[in-house]
């Protein structure tokens, strides 16, 4: 009950009401209106009770020296002002503290929806083979060594090894790979990944909490719990601020015999401008970033971004668009043009559900190439397809598919295939009858701004690392294109986390930039996580502290500069507020200021801090 009342009084509506009554307390007596009760009492009750609650709670529950907080000092000043009858001063210090708390809470709130979405990906049931029959059981009932059947389109419920069948598995949730991976007998499959084509039987190897997806969930959860909220700067120095304020007030009282001077010292010593310095600058910077399509969720992220010296990128959907496009059309026959090869292949693949086939058909439509109707379509999961097109018997697939159909691949064709692999491209071989007539290669597309962005980061003395689930050849090719020299490929989510942890153990401050579900743990464990907002997964966006809503990675250098300027602004505001406090304390000891005029000096200092922060909002930063 007490906490509910406290939360209500500390909320925005109640605090605004308190502010209105504080203004009335100052204005009404000066226009000749005297009320039986000073309106500032309302402000003292609304803003003072949460302040008292916080001070007492910290004394009871905080360990050691952290029991002494800025809330304690302001509570003492508030009661001292009430004791001598200066209600305006009492209400003012409580109100400013309440405003500071609200502003800071607004900058540090974190959404928790991402973890719930990740948990929702966990399969709830599986198809167990018992005495040759399929029996649907819950995921919790699946035991190690159970044989499970996974039909096309189904989510794999546990980690396992394929014992029968061939397929292509979309494992982007785990590795971020843009292309489904062909799988056969003896190969591993992971919980939460999707069986795209053929039916397969698997033997369960890791179930329940040991499965890859559950480990992914736990990693995000652990990283979320380990993220402490930004500590208020006033509380960091409260251990010496409170004793010094009390000592100066007591000495002033003893020497001058004037209780009003002592109370004034306490009022002006209250760190109200300090309370506002950090949240106002952060809110201005967050507003500045929002104008540029960058969403920053916390002040802590801004502060840490300025300290980042290493940036780790995922590849697919981050440095690249994460979308396959035809990159090469290679014909091995003089009488077969590139257009003809594309026509025949697109026609053969027009009934295929494989992403490579779909990408070829989409490219043909984009180029307005005719796509004749195909006949006798057959598909072998994870290998290729057969179709008859305009009298030609076309085979489209991989080397294994060609070998099974006795189609020869000569040394020259093998060399071209290897060359394409070195460039990070996926290849579809095309044969007419028993003769290989061409190759259509597909590739993810590099973002045009990626190379310039990496060069700028290098100029800013920032190390750049590539962490990707893609194969080594693809990763190395794209890294070379943009100028990244440190590459770690074929990584599962926990291995990305391990790489980031190793960098941090070596004293690096790491920013992770990614877009997929598989990047969520790495985004969480890094000092700062940046997600691609418009095309990235919801889970990655929730896991990250910063989101690039336009997916413009050129904003990364801008983010660093903005962060540096924000930290500088906060430091300047703190220095200014300390100088104002020192001057006000001196004037209070000399009797120049009273509690009311001292409170007005407070307001002036707070206004300066807000104005300085406002300048940050419109400052120009090179992106």
Foldseek 3Di string as FASTA:
>chain_A
DLVVLLVVLLDDVNLVVLVVLLVCLPVQVVVPHDDPDRSLVSLCVSLVSNLVVVLVCLLPPPDDLLNQFLSVLLNVLLVLCVVVPNSSLNSLLSSLLSVLVVLQCQFFDADPVLLVVLVVLAAQWFFFQDPNHTDIDTLVPDDAQTKTKAAAFDFDNFKWFWQDAKAWKAPCLWFVALFTATDDGGDIDFGSIGTHHHMTITGHHAGDCRGQSNVLSVLLVVLVVPDDADDQPRSVCSSPLNVVLQVLLVVLCVVVVDNQLSSLSSSLSNLSLSSNQQSLLQVLLQLLVVVVQKHFRHSLQLQLLLVFQAEEEEPQVAQFVSAKAWDDWWFPDPPQDSLNSLQALLLLLVPPPGSVNVRSVVNCVVVVRDHDHWPPWDAGHSFWIWIADPNWTKTKGDPVNLVVLQADDDPVNVVVVVVCVLLVWDWIFMAGRNYTTIITIMDTGGDPCQQVLVVVSVVVNHAYEYEGLDDPSNQVNSCVVNVHDHYDYNDTLVRLLVVQVVCVVVVGQYEYEEAESRCLSVQSNHSFYEYAACRGDPSSVSSGSMYNPVSDSSCSVVSNVLSVVSVVLSVVLSVQSVVLSVVSSVCSSVVNDGSVVSSVSVVVSNVVSSVSSNVSNPDDDDD
